[in-house]
Amino acid sequence: MRPRQHVPRRRLPDSHVSLTEREKNNFQCIATLAERDAKRYTPAGIPMVAARLLHESDQVEAGIGRRVEFDMAAVAAGQIAEMLERAELGQMFRFCGFMARKNRNSKALVFHLTDIETIS
């Protein structure tokens, strides 16, 4: 077995605009609200709502058309949880937020919602 070769990281030029921590993990997706769990509360009293989102779109990759379909787990806290609880199942929304592991030991990702906008 060969030892791994160290590959030095490429330094960005000083003129490169640095990203804030929030900008480094910013995810947005237009999707249908497919499922929603009942609202629950954390021990600190913060409302939480878990949901499943369904996305379908046509994308172009390397000049070739591609149909993209997936569903993902999402969770909302606080005021966004209240909005998600009132949102109509089957309706399309623009969801914004960030991705994080389901828990510390998991490789599965969950979309943590920070904003919801109705798509007309």
PDB file of N, CA and C in Angstrom:
ATOM      1  N   MET A   1       0.840  -1.171   0.000  1.00  0.00           N
ATOM      2  CA  MET A   1       0.000   0.000   0.000  1.00  0.00           C
ATOM      3  C   MET A   1       0.891   1.242   0.000  1.00  0.00           C
ATOM      4  N   ARG A   2       0.645   2.127  -0.946  1.00  0.00           N
ATOM      5  CA  ARG A   2       1.451   3.345  -1.068  1.00  0.00           C
ATOM      6  C   ARG A   2       0.947   4.405  -0.110  1.00  0.00           C
ATOM      7  N   PRO A   3       1.886   5.146   0.490  1.00  0.00           N
ATOM      8  CA  PRO A   3       1.436   6.244   1.366  1.00  0.00           C
ATOM      9  C   PRO A   3       0.791   7.333   0.522  1.00  0.00           C
ATOM     10  N   ARG A   4      -0.159   7.996   1.104  1.00  0.00           N
ATOM     11  CA  ARG A   4      -0.827   9.098   0.412  1.00  0.00           C
ATOM     12  C   ARG A   4       0.142  10.230   0.153  1.00  0.00           C
ATOM     13  N   GLN A   5      -0.011  10.817  -1.001  1.00  0.00           N
ATOM     14  CA  GLN A   5       0.813  11.955  -1.351  1.00  0.00           C
ATOM     15  C   GLN A   5       0.132  13.226  -0.848  1.00  0.00           C
ATOM     16  N   HIS A   6       0.888  14.096  -0.242  1.00  0.00           N
ATOM     17  CA  HIS A   6       0.332  15.362   0.234  1.00  0.00           C
ATOM     18  C   HIS A   6       0.152  16.311  -0.936  1.00  0.00           C
ATOM     19  N   VAL A   7      -1.072  16.816  -1.097  1.00  0.00           N
ATOM     20  CA  VAL A   7      -1.353  17.778  -2.154  1.00  0.00           C
ATOM     21  C   VAL A   7      -1.565  19.127  -1.481  1.00  0.00           C
ATOM     22  N   PRO A   8      -0.675  20.101  -1.734  1.00  0.00           N
ATOM     23  CA  PRO A   8      -0.840  21.404  -1.085  1.00  0.00           C
ATOM     24  C   PRO A   8      -2.113  22.094  -1.553  1.00  0.00           C
ATOM     25  N   ARG A   9      -2.763  22.798  -0.638  1.00  0.00           N
ATOM     26  CA  ARG A   9      -3.964  23.557  -0.986  1.00  0.00           C
ATOM     27  C   ARG A   9      -3.587  24.766  -1.811  1.00  0.00           C
ATOM     28  N   ARG A  10      -4.427  25.057  -2.776  1.00  0.00           N
ATOM     29  CA  ARG A  10      -4.213  26.230  -3.608  1.00  0.00           C
ATOM     30  C   ARG A  10      -4.621  27.469  -2.842  1.00  0.00           C
ATOM     31  N   ARG A  11      -3.740  28.415  -2.745  1.00  0.00           N
ATOM     32  CA  ARG A  11      -4.068  29.672  -2.077  1.00  0.00           C
ATOM     33  C   ARG A  11      -4.798  30.574  -3.037  1.00  0.00           C
ATOM     34  N   LEU A  12      -5.840  31.207  -2.541  1.00  0.00           N
ATOM     35  CA  LEU A  12      -6.567  32.168  -3.348  1.00  0.00           C
ATOM     36  C   LEU A  12      -5.838  33.497  -3.327  1.00  0.00           C
ATOM     37  N   PRO A  13      -5.908  34.241  -4.416  1.00  0.00           N
ATOM     38  CA  PRO A  13      -5.256  35.555  -4.413  1.00  0.00           C
ATOM     39  C   PRO A  13      -5.869  36.455  -3.353  1.00  0.00           C
ATOM     40  N   ASP A  14      -5.084  37.405  -2.861  1.00  0.00           N
ATOM     41  CA  ASP A  14      -5.564  38.315  -1.821  1.00  0.00           C
ATOM     42  C   ASP A  14      -6.779  39.118  -2.260  1.00  0.00           C
ATOM     43  N   SER A  15      -6.950  39.283  -3.560  1.00  0.00           N
ATOM     44  CA  SER A  15      -8.084  40.050  -4.063  1.00  0.00           C
ATOM     45  C   SER A  15      -9.384  39.255  -3.992  1.00  0.00           C
ATOM     46  N   HIS A  16      -9.297  37.942  -3.689  1.00  0.00           N
ATOM     47  CA  HIS A  16     -10.486  37.101  -3.599  1.00  0.00           C
ATOM     48  C   HIS A  16     -11.378  37.582  -2.452  1.00  0.00           C
ATOM     49  N   VAL A  17     -12.661  37.691  -2.728  1.00  0.00           N
ATOM     50  CA  VAL A  17     -13.613  38.119  -1.704  1.00  0.00           C
ATOM     51  C   VAL A  17     -13.887  36.923  -0.799  1.00  0.00           C
ATOM     52  N   SER A  18     -13.659  37.079   0.478  1.00  0.00           N
ATOM     53  CA  SER A  18     -13.903  35.969   1.396  1.00  0.00           C
ATOM     54  C   SER A  18     -15.390  35.882   1.709  1.00  0.00           C
ATOM     55  N   LEU A  19     -15.839  34.676   1.916  1.00  0.00           N
ATOM     56  CA  LEU A  19     -17.233  34.435   2.217  1.00  0.00           C
ATOM     57  C   LEU A  19     -17.445  34.405   3.719  1.00  0.00           C
ATOM     58  N   THR A  20     -18.598  34.878   4.158  1.00  0.00           N
ATOM     59  CA  THR A  20     -18.936  34.760   5.564  1.00  0.00           C
ATOM     60  C   THR A  20     -19.314  33.311   5.838  1.00  0.00           C
ATOM     61  N   GLU A  21     -19.362  32.928   7.077  1.00  0.00           N
ATOM     62  CA  GLU A  21     -19.733  31.559   7.429  1.00  0.00           C
ATOM     63  C   GLU A  21     -21.119  31.216   6.894  1.00  0.00           C
ATOM     64  N   ARG A  22     -22.041  32.148   6.938  1.00  0.00           N
ATOM     65  CA  ARG A  22     -23.401  31.898   6.454  1.00  0.00           C
ATOM     66  C   ARG A  22     -23.404  31.665   4.943  1.00  0.00           C
ATOM     67  N   GLU A  23     -22.576  32.376   4.200  1.00  0.00           N
ATOM     68  CA  GLU A  23     -22.541  32.232   2.749  1.00  0.00           C
ATOM     69  C   GLU A  23     -21.906  30.912   2.315  1.00  0.00           C
ATOM     70  N   LYS A  24     -21.118  30.302   3.173  1.00  0.00           N
ATOM     71  CA  LYS A  24     -20.449  29.056   2.823  1.00  0.00           C
ATOM     72  C   LYS A  24     -21.410  27.875   2.778  1.00  0.00           C
ATOM     73  N   ASN A  25     -22.515  27.943   3.486  1.00  0.00           N
ATOM     74  CA  ASN A  25     -23.494  26.860   3.522  1.00  0.00           C
ATOM     75  C   ASN A  25     -24.871  27.476   3.358  1.00  0.00           C
ATOM     76  N   ASN A  26     -25.175  27.883   2.144  1.00  0.00           N
ATOM     77  CA  ASN A  26     -26.434  28.530   1.839  1.00  0.00           C
ATOM     78  C   ASN A  26     -27.108  27.717   0.755  1.00  0.00           C
ATOM     79  N   PHE A  27     -28.243  27.101   1.067  1.00  0.00           N
ATOM     80  CA  PHE A  27     -28.922  26.217   0.130  1.00  0.00           C
ATOM     81  C   PHE A  27     -30.313  26.764  -0.137  1.00  0.00           C
ATOM     82  N   GLN A  28     -30.736  26.669  -1.406  1.00  0.00           N
ATOM     83  CA  GLN A  28     -32.063  27.145  -1.792  1.00  0.00           C
ATOM     84  C   GLN A  28     -32.626  26.153  -2.794  1.00  0.00           C
ATOM     85  N   CYS A  29     -33.905  25.843  -2.665  1.00  0.00           N
ATOM     86  CA  CYS A  29     -34.515  24.852  -3.536  1.00  0.00           C
ATOM     87  C   CYS A  29     -36.001  25.152  -3.683  1.00  0.00           C
ATOM     88  N   ILE A  30     -36.500  25.057  -4.917  1.00  0.00           N
ATOM     89  CA  ILE A  30     -37.934  25.142  -5.143  1.00  0.00           C
ATOM     90  C   ILE A  30     -38.449  23.717  -5.116  1.00  0.00           C
ATOM     91  N   ALA A  31     -39.404  23.465  -4.224  1.00  0.00           N
ATOM     92  CA  ALA A  31     -39.881  22.101  -4.023  1.00  0.00           C
ATOM     93  C   ALA A  31     -41.330  22.119  -3.549  1.00  0.00           C
ATOM     94  N   THR A  32     -41.939  20.947  -3.601  1.00  0.00           N
ATOM     95  CA  THR A  32     -43.298  20.756  -3.112  1.00  0.00           C
ATOM     96  C   THR A  32     -43.236  20.225  -1.689  1.00  0.00           C
ATOM     97  N   LEU A  33     -44.086  20.747  -0.829  1.00  0.00           N
ATOM     98  CA  LEU A  33     -44.190  20.248   0.542  1.00  0.00           C
ATOM     99  C   LEU A  33     -44.975  18.940   0.487  1.00  0.00           C
ATOM    100  N   ALA A  34     -44.274  17.810   0.568  1.00  0.00           N
ATOM    101  CA  ALA A  34     -44.882  16.492   0.378  1.00  0.00           C
ATOM    102  C   ALA A  34     -45.450  15.905   1.668  1.00  0.00           C
ATOM    103  N   GLU A  35     -44.734  16.050   2.779  1.00  0.00           N
ATOM    104  CA  GLU A  35     -45.171  15.516   4.078  1.00  0.00           C
ATOM    105  C   GLU A  35     -44.755  16.481   5.166  1.00  0.00           C
ATOM    106  N   ARG A  36     -45.500  16.430   6.269  1.00  0.00           N
ATOM    107  CA  ARG A  36     -45.154  17.301   7.390  1.00  0.00           C
ATOM    108  C   ARG A  36     -45.542  16.599   8.680  1.00  0.00           C
ATOM    109  N   ASP A  37     -44.637  16.583   9.647  1.00  0.00           N
ATOM    110  CA  ASP A  37     -44.934  16.004  10.964  1.00  0.00           C
ATOM    111  C   ASP A  37     -45.654  17.035  11.822  1.00  0.00           C
ATOM    112  N   ALA A  38     -46.228  16.563  12.908  1.00  0.00           N
ATOM    113  CA  ALA A  38     -46.878  17.460  13.856  1.00  0.00           C
ATOM    114  C   ALA A  38     -45.822  18.320  14.549  1.00  0.00           C
ATOM    115  N   LYS A  39     -46.211  19.519  14.911  1.00  0.00           N
ATOM    116  CA  LYS A  39     -45.294  20.420  15.615  1.00  0.00           C
ATOM    117  C   LYS A  39     -44.950  19.821  16.974  1.00  0.00           C
ATOM    118  N   ARG A  40     -43.679  19.939  17.317  1.00  0.00           N
ATOM    119  CA  ARG A  40     -43.207  19.530  18.646  1.00  0.00           C
ATOM    120  C   ARG A  40     -42.409  20.681  19.224  1.00  0.00           C
ATOM    121  N   TYR A  41     -42.004  20.547  20.461  1.00  0.00           N
ATOM    122  CA  TYR A  41     -41.240  21.609  21.117  1.00  0.00           C
ATOM    123  C   TYR A  41     -39.959  21.040  21.707  1.00  0.00           C
ATOM    124  N   THR A  42     -38.875  21.802  21.601  1.00  0.00           N
ATOM    125  CA  THR A  42     -37.614  21.411  22.214  1.00  0.00           C
ATOM    126  C   THR A  42     -37.734  21.605  23.725  1.00  0.00           C
ATOM    127  N   PRO A  43     -36.803  21.060  24.520  1.00  0.00           N
ATOM    128  CA  PRO A  43     -36.834  21.311  25.967  1.00  0.00           C
ATOM    129  C   PRO A  43     -36.795  22.809  26.309  1.00  0.00           C
ATOM    130  N   ALA A  44     -36.236  23.623  25.407  1.00  0.00           N
ATOM    131  CA  ALA A  44     -36.182  25.071  25.635  1.00  0.00           C
ATOM    132  C   ALA A  44     -37.467  25.768  25.200  1.00  0.00           C
ATOM    133  N   GLY A  45     -38.438  25.000  24.690  1.00  0.00           N
ATOM    134  CA  GLY A  45     -39.716  25.573  24.296  1.00  0.00           C
ATOM    135  C   GLY A  45     -39.772  26.110  22.870  1.00  0.00           C
ATOM    136  N   ILE A  46     -38.797  25.779  22.041  1.00  0.00           N
ATOM    137  CA  ILE A  46     -38.770  26.259  20.655  1.00  0.00           C
ATOM    138  C   ILE A  46     -39.581  25.299  19.787  1.00  0.00           C
ATOM    139  N   PRO A  47     -40.549  25.817  19.007  1.00  0.00           N
ATOM    140  CA  PRO A  47     -41.329  24.932  18.133  1.00  0.00           C
ATOM    141  C   PRO A  47     -40.461  24.389  16.999  1.00  0.00           C
ATOM    142  N   MET A  48     -40.686  23.119  16.655  1.00  0.00           N
ATOM    143  CA  MET A  48     -39.948  22.440  15.579  1.00  0.00           C
ATOM    144  C   MET A  48     -40.948  21.678  14.724  1.00  0.00           C
ATOM    145  N   VAL A  49     -40.745  21.717  13.412  1.00  0.00           N
ATOM    146  CA  VAL A  49     -41.570  20.945  12.485  1.00  0.00           C
ATOM    147  C   VAL A  49     -40.641  20.273  11.480  1.00  0.00           C
ATOM    148  N   ALA A  50     -40.782  18.959  11.335  1.00  0.00           N
ATOM    149  CA  ALA A  50     -40.024  18.197  10.344  1.00  0.00           C
ATOM    150  C   ALA A  50     -40.910  17.973   9.130  1.00  0.00           C
ATOM    151  N   ALA A  51     -40.291  17.875   7.941  1.00  0.00           N
ATOM    152  CA  ALA A  51     -41.053  17.705   6.708  1.00  0.00           C
ATOM    153  C   ALA A  51     -40.218  16.970   5.672  1.00  0.00           C
ATOM    154  N   ARG A  52     -40.895  16.542   4.589  1.00  0.00           N
ATOM    155  CA  ARG A  52     -40.223  15.986   3.408  1.00  0.00           C
ATOM    156  C   ARG A  52     -40.589  16.877   2.239  1.00  0.00           C
ATOM    157  N   LEU A  53     -39.564  17.254   1.484  1.00  0.00           N
ATOM    158  CA  LEU A  53     -39.742  18.115   0.327  1.00  0.00           C
ATOM    159  C   LEU A  53     -39.465  17.306  -0.931  1.00  0.00           C
ATOM    160  N   LEU A  54     -40.226  17.569  -1.996  1.00  0.00           N
ATOM    161  CA  LEU A  54     -40.074  16.871  -3.259  1.00  0.00           C
ATOM    162  C   LEU A  54     -39.700  17.880  -4.334  1.00  0.00           C
ATOM    163  N   HIS A  55     -38.569  17.644  -5.002  1.00  0.00           N
ATOM    164  CA  HIS A  55     -38.099  18.538  -6.062  1.00  0.00           C
ATOM    165  C   HIS A  55     -38.089  17.795  -7.392  1.00  0.00           C
ATOM    166  N   GLU A  56     -38.553  18.477  -8.451  1.00  0.00           N
ATOM    167  CA  GLU A  56     -38.502  17.946  -9.814  1.00  0.00           C
ATOM    168  C   GLU A  56     -38.145  19.098 -10.733  1.00  0.00           C
ATOM    169  N   SER A  57     -37.137  18.893 -11.595  1.00  0.00           N
ATOM    170  CA  SER A  57     -36.757  19.929 -12.556  1.00  0.00           C
ATOM    171  C   SER A  57     -35.968  19.321 -13.704  1.00  0.00           C
ATOM    172  N   ASP A  58     -35.814  20.108 -14.764  1.00  0.00           N
ATOM    173  CA  ASP A  58     -34.955  19.756 -15.886  1.00  0.00           C
ATOM    174  C   ASP A  58     -33.725  20.633 -15.802  1.00  0.00           C
ATOM    175  N   GLN A  59     -32.549  20.020 -15.820  1.00  0.00           N
ATOM    176  CA  GLN A  59     -31.284  20.735 -15.707  1.00  0.00           C
ATOM    177  C   GLN A  59     -30.411  20.411 -16.915  1.00  0.00           C
ATOM    178  N   VAL A  60     -29.404  21.232 -17.153  1.00  0.00           N
ATOM    179  CA  VAL A  60     -28.428  20.975 -18.209  1.00  0.00           C
ATOM    180  C   VAL A  60     -27.072  20.787 -17.539  1.00  0.00           C
ATOM    181  N   GLU A  61     -26.449  19.664 -17.840  1.00  0.00           N
ATOM    182  CA  GLU A  61     -25.134  19.346 -17.280  1.00  0.00           C
ATOM    183  C   GLU A  61     -24.225  18.937 -18.432  1.00  0.00           C
ATOM    184  N   ALA A  62     -23.120  19.649 -18.576  1.00  0.00           N
ATOM    185  CA  ALA A  62     -22.162  19.388 -19.656  1.00  0.00           C
ATOM    186  C   ALA A  62     -22.857  19.393 -21.017  1.00  0.00           C
ATOM    187  N   GLY A  63     -23.841  20.302 -21.168  1.00  0.00           N
ATOM    188  CA  GLY A  63     -24.543  20.453 -22.434  1.00  0.00           C
ATOM    189  C   GLY A  63     -25.618  19.417 -22.698  1.00  0.00           C
ATOM    190  N   ILE A  64     -25.873  18.545 -21.729  1.00  0.00           N
ATOM    191  CA  ILE A  64     -26.860  17.477 -21.907  1.00  0.00           C
ATOM    192  C   ILE A  64     -28.011  17.691 -20.932  1.00  0.00           C
ATOM    193  N   GLY A  65     -29.234  17.601 -21.437  1.00  0.00           N
ATOM    194  CA  GLY A  65     -30.417  17.739 -20.587  1.00  0.00           C
ATOM    195  C   GLY A  65     -30.546  16.573 -19.627  1.00  0.00           C
ATOM    196  N   ARG A  66     -31.040  16.857 -18.446  1.00  0.00           N
ATOM    197  CA  ARG A  66     -31.147  15.827 -17.416  1.00  0.00           C
ATOM    198  C   ARG A  66     -32.367  16.105 -16.556  1.00  0.00           C
ATOM    199  N   ARG A  67     -33.177  15.107 -16.298  1.00  0.00           N
ATOM    200  CA  ARG A  67     -34.327  15.217 -15.405  1.00  0.00           C
ATOM    201  C   ARG A  67     -33.842  14.947 -13.987  1.00  0.00           C
ATOM    202  N   VAL A  68     -34.135  15.861 -13.070  1.00  0.00           N
ATOM    203  CA  VAL A  68     -33.701  15.725 -11.680  1.00  0.00           C
ATOM    204  C   VAL A  68     -34.939  15.582 -10.795  1.00  0.00           C
ATOM    205  N   GLU A  69     -34.966  14.528 -10.009  1.00  0.00           N
ATOM    206  CA  GLU A  69     -36.055  14.292  -9.062  1.00  0.00           C
ATOM    207  C   GLU A  69     -35.444  13.777  -7.765  1.00  0.00           C
ATOM    208  N   PHE A  70     -35.810  14.383  -6.661  1.00  0.00           N
ATOM    209  CA  PHE A  70     -35.360  13.885  -5.362  1.00  0.00           C
ATOM    210  C   PHE A  70     -36.293  14.382  -4.266  1.00  0.00           C
ATOM    211  N   ASP A  71     -36.252  13.682  -3.156  1.00  0.00           N
ATOM    212  CA  ASP A  71     -36.944  14.178  -1.972  1.00  0.00           C
ATOM    213  C   ASP A  71     -35.906  14.310  -0.876  1.00  0.00           C
ATOM    214  N   MET A  72     -36.167  15.199   0.059  1.00  0.00           N
ATOM    215  CA  MET A  72     -35.202  15.423   1.132  1.00  0.00           C
ATOM    216  C   MET A  72     -35.912  15.734   2.436  1.00  0.00           C
ATOM    217  N   ALA A  73     -35.224  15.412   3.509  1.00  0.00           N
ATOM    218  CA  ALA A  73     -35.718  15.739   4.842  1.00  0.00           C
ATOM    219  C   ALA A  73     -35.426  17.207   5.123  1.00  0.00           C
ATOM    220  N   ALA A  74     -36.378  17.862   5.782  1.00  0.00           N
ATOM    221  CA  ALA A  74     -36.203  19.261   6.158  1.00  0.00           C
ATOM    222  C   ALA A  74     -36.717  19.447   7.568  1.00  0.00           C
ATOM    223  N   VAL A  75     -36.196  20.470   8.233  1.00  0.00           N
ATOM    224  CA  VAL A  75     -36.647  20.794   9.581  1.00  0.00           C
ATOM    225  C   VAL A  75     -36.677  22.313   9.722  1.00  0.00           C
ATOM    226  N   ALA A  76     -37.680  22.795  10.436  1.00  0.00           N
ATOM    227  CA  ALA A  76     -37.822  24.235  10.667  1.00  0.00           C
ATOM    228  C   ALA A  76     -37.993  24.477  12.163  1.00  0.00           C
ATOM    229  N   ALA A  77     -37.431  25.581  12.627  1.00  0.00           N
ATOM    230  CA  ALA A  77     -37.500  25.933  14.046  1.00  0.00           C
ATOM    231  C   ALA A  77     -38.068  27.340  14.201  1.00  0.00           C
ATOM    232  N   GLY A  78     -38.662  27.594  15.365  1.00  0.00           N
ATOM    233  CA  GLY A  78     -39.136  28.938  15.690  1.00  0.00           C
ATOM    234  C   GLY A  78     -40.244  29.419  14.775  1.00  0.00           C
ATOM    235  N   GLN A  79     -40.134  30.662  14.336  1.00  0.00           N
ATOM    236  CA  GLN A  79     -41.155  31.294  13.504  1.00  0.00           C
ATOM    237  C   GLN A  79     -41.317  30.564  12.166  1.00  0.00           C
ATOM    238  N   ILE A  80     -40.236  30.050  11.617  1.00  0.00           N
ATOM    239  CA  ILE A  80     -40.308  29.312  10.349  1.00  0.00           C
ATOM    240  C   ILE A  80     -41.091  28.014  10.548  1.00  0.00           C
ATOM    241  N   ALA A  81     -40.987  27.393  11.717  1.00  0.00           N
ATOM    242  CA  ALA A  81     -41.762  26.184  12.012  1.00  0.00           C
ATOM    243  C   ALA A  81     -43.257  26.509  12.004  1.00  0.00           C
ATOM    244  N   GLU A  82     -43.621  27.652  12.549  1.00  0.00           N
ATOM    245  CA  GLU A  82     -45.027  28.083  12.547  1.00  0.00           C
ATOM    246  C   GLU A  82     -45.506  28.275  11.110  1.00  0.00           C
ATOM    247  N   MET A  83     -44.673  28.871  10.255  1.00  0.00           N
ATOM    248  CA  MET A  83     -45.030  29.070   8.843  1.00  0.00           C
ATOM    249  C   MET A  83     -45.186  27.722   8.137  1.00  0.00           C
ATOM    250  N   LEU A  84     -44.255  26.794   8.394  1.00  0.00           N
ATOM    251  CA  LEU A  84     -44.295  25.484   7.757  1.00  0.00           C
ATOM    252  C   LEU A  84     -45.530  24.702   8.211  1.00  0.00           C
ATOM    253  N   GLU A  85     -45.905  24.862   9.462  1.00  0.00           N
ATOM    254  CA  GLU A  85     -47.088  24.171   9.986  1.00  0.00           C
ATOM    255  C   GLU A  85     -48.359  24.630   9.271  1.00  0.00           C
ATOM    256  N   ARG A  86     -48.417  25.903   8.889  1.00  0.00           N
ATOM    257  CA  ARG A  86     -49.597  26.454   8.211  1.00  0.00           C
ATOM    258  C   ARG A  86     -49.555  26.261   6.692  1.00  0.00           C
ATOM    259  N   ALA A  87     -48.400  25.894   6.142  1.00  0.00           N
ATOM    260  CA  ALA A  87     -48.244  25.744   4.694  1.00  0.00           C
ATOM    261  C   ALA A  87     -49.087  24.574   4.186  1.00  0.00           C
ATOM    262  N   GLU A  88     -49.633  24.746   2.995  1.00  0.00           N
ATOM    263  CA  GLU A  88     -50.505  23.732   2.408  1.00  0.00           C
ATOM    264  C   GLU A  88     -49.682  22.604   1.797  1.00  0.00           C
ATOM    265  N   LEU A  89     -50.014  21.370   2.174  1.00  0.00           N
ATOM    266  CA  LEU A  89     -49.349  20.204   1.587  1.00  0.00           C
ATOM    267  C   LEU A  89     -49.635  20.176   0.092  1.00  0.00           C
ATOM    268  N   GLY A  90     -48.653  19.788  -0.700  1.00  0.00           N
ATOM    269  CA  GLY A  90     -48.816  19.709  -2.143  1.00  0.00           C
ATOM    270  C   GLY A  90     -48.527  21.011  -2.869  1.00  0.00           C
ATOM    271  N   GLN A  91     -48.334  22.097  -2.119  1.00  0.00           N
ATOM    272  CA  GLN A  91     -48.038  23.390  -2.733  1.00  0.00           C
ATOM    273  C   GLN A  91     -46.533  23.550  -2.911  1.00  0.00           C
ATOM    274  N   MET A  92     -46.149  24.350  -3.928  1.00  0.00           N
ATOM    275  CA  MET A  92     -44.743  24.585  -4.230  1.00  0.00           C
ATOM    276  C   MET A  92     -44.260  25.850  -3.519  1.00  0.00           C
ATOM    277  N   PHE A  93     -43.051  25.769  -2.961  1.00  0.00           N
ATOM    278  CA  PHE A  93     -42.445  26.879  -2.233  1.00  0.00           C
ATOM    279  C   PHE A  93     -40.982  27.002  -2.616  1.00  0.00           C
ATOM    280  N   ARG A  94     -40.405  28.175  -2.362  1.00  0.00           N
ATOM    281  CA  ARG A  94     -38.958  28.363  -2.421  1.00  0.00           C
ATOM    282  C   ARG A  94     -38.479  28.241  -0.972  1.00  0.00           C
ATOM    283  N   PHE A  95     -37.684  27.230  -0.716  1.00  0.00           N
ATOM    284  CA  PHE A  95     -37.150  26.985   0.622  1.00  0.00           C
ATOM    285  C   PHE A  95     -35.699  27.452   0.654  1.00  0.00           C
ATOM    286  N   CYS A  96     -35.321  28.193   1.677  1.00  0.00           N
ATOM    287  CA  CYS A  96     -33.944  28.648   1.866  1.00  0.00           C
ATOM    288  C   CYS A  96     -33.458  28.173   3.221  1.00  0.00           C
ATOM    289  N   GLY A  97     -32.161  27.926   3.315  1.00  0.00           N
ATOM    290  CA  GLY A  97     -31.601  27.496   4.586  1.00  0.00           C
ATOM    291  C   GLY A  97     -30.195  26.962   4.413  1.00  0.00           C
ATOM    292  N   PHE A  98     -29.868  25.965   5.214  1.00  0.00           N
ATOM    293  CA  PHE A  98     -28.528  25.373   5.176  1.00  0.00           C
ATOM    294  C   PHE A  98     -28.632  23.878   5.407  1.00  0.00           C
ATOM    295  N   MET A  99     -27.590  23.169   5.007  1.00  0.00           N
ATOM    296  CA  MET A  99     -27.540  21.724   5.171  1.00  0.00           C
ATOM    297  C   MET A  99     -26.688  21.370   6.386  1.00  0.00           C
ATOM    298  N   ALA A 100     -27.133  20.353   7.118  1.00  0.00           N
ATOM    299  CA  ALA A 100     -26.378  19.866   8.274  1.00  0.00           C
ATOM    300  C   ALA A 100     -26.650  18.375   8.440  1.00  0.00           C
ATOM    301  N   ARG A 101     -25.752  17.695   9.138  1.00  0.00           N
ATOM    302  CA  ARG A 101     -25.960  16.281   9.424  1.00  0.00           C
ATOM    303  C   ARG A 101     -27.201  16.114  10.297  1.00  0.00           C
ATOM    304  N   LYS A 102     -27.863  14.977  10.107  1.00  0.00           N
ATOM    305  CA  LYS A 102     -29.052  14.674  10.902  1.00  0.00           C
ATOM    306  C   LYS A 102     -28.707  14.656  12.385  1.00  0.00           C
ATOM    307  N   ASN A 103     -27.565  14.086  12.696  1.00  0.00           N
ATOM    308  CA  ASN A 103     -27.024  14.148  14.053  1.00  0.00           C
ATOM    309  C   ASN A 103     -25.512  14.003  13.957  1.00  0.00           C
ATOM    310  N   ARG A 104     -24.857  14.131  15.049  1.00  0.00           N
ATOM    311  CA  ARG A 104     -23.391  14.172  15.068  1.00  0.00           C
ATOM    312  C   ARG A 104     -22.739  12.953  14.425  1.00  0.00           C
ATOM    313  N   ASN A 105     -23.357  11.780  14.569  1.00  0.00           N
ATOM    314  CA  ASN A 105     -22.743  10.547  14.061  1.00  0.00           C
ATOM    315  C   ASN A 105     -23.297  10.092  12.721  1.00  0.00           C
ATOM    316  N   SER A 106     -24.182  10.867  12.130  1.00  0.00           N
ATOM    317  CA  SER A 106     -24.842  10.480  10.889  1.00  0.00           C
ATOM    318  C   SER A 106     -24.165  11.102   9.678  1.00  0.00           C
ATOM    319  N   LYS A 107     -24.259  10.394   8.546  1.00  0.00           N
ATOM    320  CA  LYS A 107     -23.802  10.965   7.281  1.00  0.00           C
ATOM    321  C   LYS A 107     -24.976  11.553   6.503  1.00  0.00           C
ATOM    322  N   ALA A 108     -26.200  11.260   6.946  1.00  0.00           N
ATOM    323  CA  ALA A 108     -27.397  11.770   6.277  1.00  0.00           C
ATOM    324  C   ALA A 108     -27.534  13.275   6.526  1.00  0.00           C
ATOM    325  N   LEU A 109     -27.955  13.996   5.480  1.00  0.00           N
ATOM    326  CA  LEU A 109     -28.126  15.441   5.587  1.00  0.00           C
ATOM    327  C   LEU A 109     -29.586  15.817   5.780  1.00  0.00           C
ATOM    328  N   VAL A 110     -29.799  16.939   6.462  1.00  0.00           N
ATOM    329  CA  VAL A 110     -31.129  17.510   6.648  1.00  0.00           C
ATOM    330  C   VAL A 110     -31.049  18.980   6.264  1.00  0.00           C
ATOM    331  N   PHE A 111     -32.062  19.446   5.547  1.00  0.00           N
ATOM    332  CA  PHE A 111     -32.166  20.830   5.111  1.00  0.00           C
ATOM    333  C   PHE A 111     -32.815  21.616   6.248  1.00  0.00           C
ATOM    334  N   HIS A 112     -32.063  22.504   6.893  1.00  0.00           N
ATOM    335  CA  HIS A 112     -32.576  23.344   7.982  1.00  0.00           C
ATOM    336  C   HIS A 112     -33.118  24.631   7.362  1.00  0.00           C
ATOM    337  N   LEU A 113     -34.423  24.831   7.449  1.00  0.00           N
ATOM    338  CA  LEU A 113     -35.078  25.952   6.785  1.00  0.00           C
ATOM    339  C   LEU A 113     -34.940  27.242   7.576  1.00  0.00           C
ATOM    340  N   THR A 114     -34.608  28.321   6.861  1.00  0.00           N
ATOM    341  CA  THR A 114     -34.531  29.645   7.478  1.00  0.00           C
ATOM    342  C   THR A 114     -35.500  30.621   6.828  1.00  0.00           C
ATOM    343  N   ASP A 115     -36.102  30.214   5.687  1.00  0.00           N
ATOM    344  CA  ASP A 115     -37.091  31.061   5.025  1.00  0.00           C
ATOM    345  C   ASP A 115     -37.940  30.213   4.093  1.00  0.00           C
ATOM    346  N   ILE A 116     -39.201  30.608   3.950  1.00  0.00           N
ATOM    347  CA  ILE A 116     -40.141  29.923   3.067  1.00  0.00           C
ATOM    348  C   ILE A 116     -40.884  30.999   2.284  1.00  0.00           C
ATOM    349  N   GLU A 117     -40.952  30.811   0.976  1.00  0.00           N
ATOM    350  CA  GLU A 117     -41.652  31.777   0.120  1.00  0.00           C
ATOM    351  C   GLU A 117     -42.577  31.009  -0.813  1.00  0.00           C
ATOM    352  N   THR A 118     -43.841  31.429  -0.894  1.00  0.00           N
ATOM    353  CA  THR A 118     -44.806  30.791  -1.783  1.00  0.00           C
ATOM    354  C   THR A 118     -44.458  31.086  -3.232  1.00  0.00           C
ATOM    355  N   ILE A 119     -44.527  30.067  -4.079  1.00  0.00           N
ATOM    356  CA  ILE A 119     -44.312  30.220  -5.516  1.00  0.00           C
ATOM    357  C   ILE A 119     -45.684  30.307  -6.172  1.00  0.00           C
ATOM    358  N   SER A 120     -45.930  31.362  -6.909  1.00  0.00           N
ATOM    359  CA  SER A 120     -47.253  31.528  -7.558  1.00  0.00           C
ATOM    360  C   SER A 120     -47.321  30.782  -8.855  1.00  0.00           C
TER     361      SER A 120
END
